[in-house]
Amino acid sequence: MPEPLSSAYATTPTEPQAPDCATLINSTTACALAGEISPMTLWRWTRDSVIPRPLIIRGRKFWNRAEFIAALVAAGSGKSSLPRKIPTKQSKAA
């Protein structure tokens, strides 16, 4: 009777796993989670690194739900690298 393989040889090498589809949210859901923002605001927040960059699958954008919510919490608590208010030009009073 042949000897059983040791557990070191019985395991298969791990391959990169695709993200779990249950944890991905699309743009519509992302806008709703962020407080009914517009798709343009979502684009700006991505550009300004308020939220992480999306995964693009077949031309559609998806975010990891946990990372997206964590970014929203960080931005709301002031831990974001962006200022809370965008400075405006001060008018000169003479």
Protein backbone atom coordinates (compact mmCIF):
# COMPACT_ATOMS: atom_id res chain seq x y z
CA MET A 1 0.00 0.00 0.00
CA PRO A 2 1.49 3.41 -0.96
CA GLU A 3 2.21 5.94 1.74
CA PRO A 4 -0.19 8.90 1.99
CA LEU A 5 1.08 12.24 0.80
CA SER A 6 2.10 14.62 3.52
CA SER A 7 -0.09 17.66 3.99
CA ALA A 8 2.62 19.89 2.51
CA TYR A 9 2.33 18.14 -0.83
CA ALA A 10 -1.41 17.56 -0.73
CA THR A 11 -2.32 21.24 -0.90
CA THR A 12 -2.62 23.02 -4.20
CA PRO A 13 -0.88 26.33 -4.75
CA THR A 14 -3.09 29.31 -4.12
CA GLU A 15 -4.13 31.26 -7.16
CA PRO A 16 -5.24 34.87 -7.19
CA GLN A 17 -8.93 34.98 -6.40
CA ALA A 18 -11.41 37.28 -8.06
CA PRO A 19 -13.22 39.62 -5.65
CA ASP A 20 -16.41 38.21 -4.19
CA CYS A 21 -19.25 39.61 -6.27
CA ALA A 22 -21.40 39.97 -3.15
CA THR A 23 -19.00 42.62 -1.82
CA LEU A 24 -18.95 44.70 -5.00
CA ILE A 25 -21.32 47.61 -5.53
CA ASN A 26 -22.09 49.42 -8.76
CA SER A 27 -22.20 53.17 -9.37
CA THR A 28 -25.91 53.49 -8.61
CA THR A 29 -25.52 51.78 -5.24
CA ALA A 30 -22.37 53.79 -4.48
CA CYS A 31 -24.23 57.05 -5.15
CA ALA A 32 -27.07 55.94 -2.88
CA LEU A 33 -24.72 54.90 -0.06
CA ALA A 34 -22.95 58.25 -0.23
CA GLY A 35 -26.19 60.14 0.36
CA GLU A 36 -27.88 60.25 -3.05
CA ILE A 37 -24.98 62.04 -4.72
CA SER A 38 -24.81 62.44 -8.48
CA PRO A 39 -22.59 60.29 -10.71
CA MET A 40 -20.53 63.43 -11.41
CA THR A 41 -19.83 63.87 -7.68
CA LEU A 42 -18.82 60.22 -7.51
CA TRP A 43 -16.40 60.83 -10.39
CA ARG A 44 -14.97 63.94 -8.67
CA TRP A 45 -14.50 62.08 -5.38
CA THR A 46 -12.64 59.35 -7.26
CA ARG A 47 -10.47 61.93 -9.03
CA ASP A 48 -9.73 63.69 -5.71
CA SER A 49 -9.00 60.36 -3.93
CA VAL A 50 -11.87 60.74 -1.47
CA ILE A 51 -12.98 57.24 -2.44
CA PRO A 52 -10.86 54.42 -3.88
CA ARG A 53 -10.59 53.86 -7.62
CA PRO A 54 -13.22 51.46 -8.95
CA LEU A 55 -12.69 48.11 -10.58
CA ILE A 56 -13.77 48.27 -14.20
CA ILE A 57 -15.39 45.08 -15.41
CA ARG A 58 -16.71 45.05 -18.98
CA GLY A 59 -16.89 48.82 -18.97
CA ARG A 60 -18.85 49.05 -15.72
CA LYS A 61 -17.46 50.47 -12.48
CA PHE A 62 -17.58 48.54 -9.21
CA TRP A 63 -16.27 49.32 -5.74
CA ASN A 64 -15.51 47.01 -2.85
CA ARG A 65 -18.35 47.80 -0.45
CA ALA A 66 -16.24 47.70 2.74
CA GLU A 67 -13.49 49.91 1.26
CA PHE A 68 -16.05 52.36 -0.10
CA ILE A 69 -17.82 52.73 3.25
CA ALA A 70 -14.49 53.03 5.10
CA ALA A 71 -13.47 55.86 2.74
CA LEU A 72 -16.77 57.66 3.35
CA VAL A 73 -16.32 57.35 7.12
CA ALA A 74 -12.75 58.62 6.89
CA ALA A 75 -13.80 61.57 4.73
CA GLY A 76 -16.64 62.44 7.11
CA SER A 77 -14.46 62.29 10.21
CA GLY A 78 -11.84 64.61 8.79
CA LYS A 79 -9.23 61.88 8.28
CA SER A 80 -9.27 62.51 4.56
CA SER A 81 -6.38 64.35 2.96
CA LEU A 82 -8.82 66.84 1.44
CA PRO A 83 -10.07 69.98 3.15
CA ARG A 84 -13.65 69.83 4.40
CA LYS A 85 -14.52 73.07 2.60
CA ILE A 86 -13.09 74.21 -0.67
CA PRO A 87 -11.62 77.68 -0.17
CA THR A 88 -13.34 80.40 -2.13
CA LYS A 89 -11.88 83.61 -3.44
CA GLN A 90 -12.32 86.44 -0.99
CA SER A 91 -13.67 89.62 -2.44
CA LYS A 92 -11.61 92.70 -1.77
CA ALA A 93 -13.48 95.16 0.42
CA ALA A 94 -12.25 98.70 -0.08
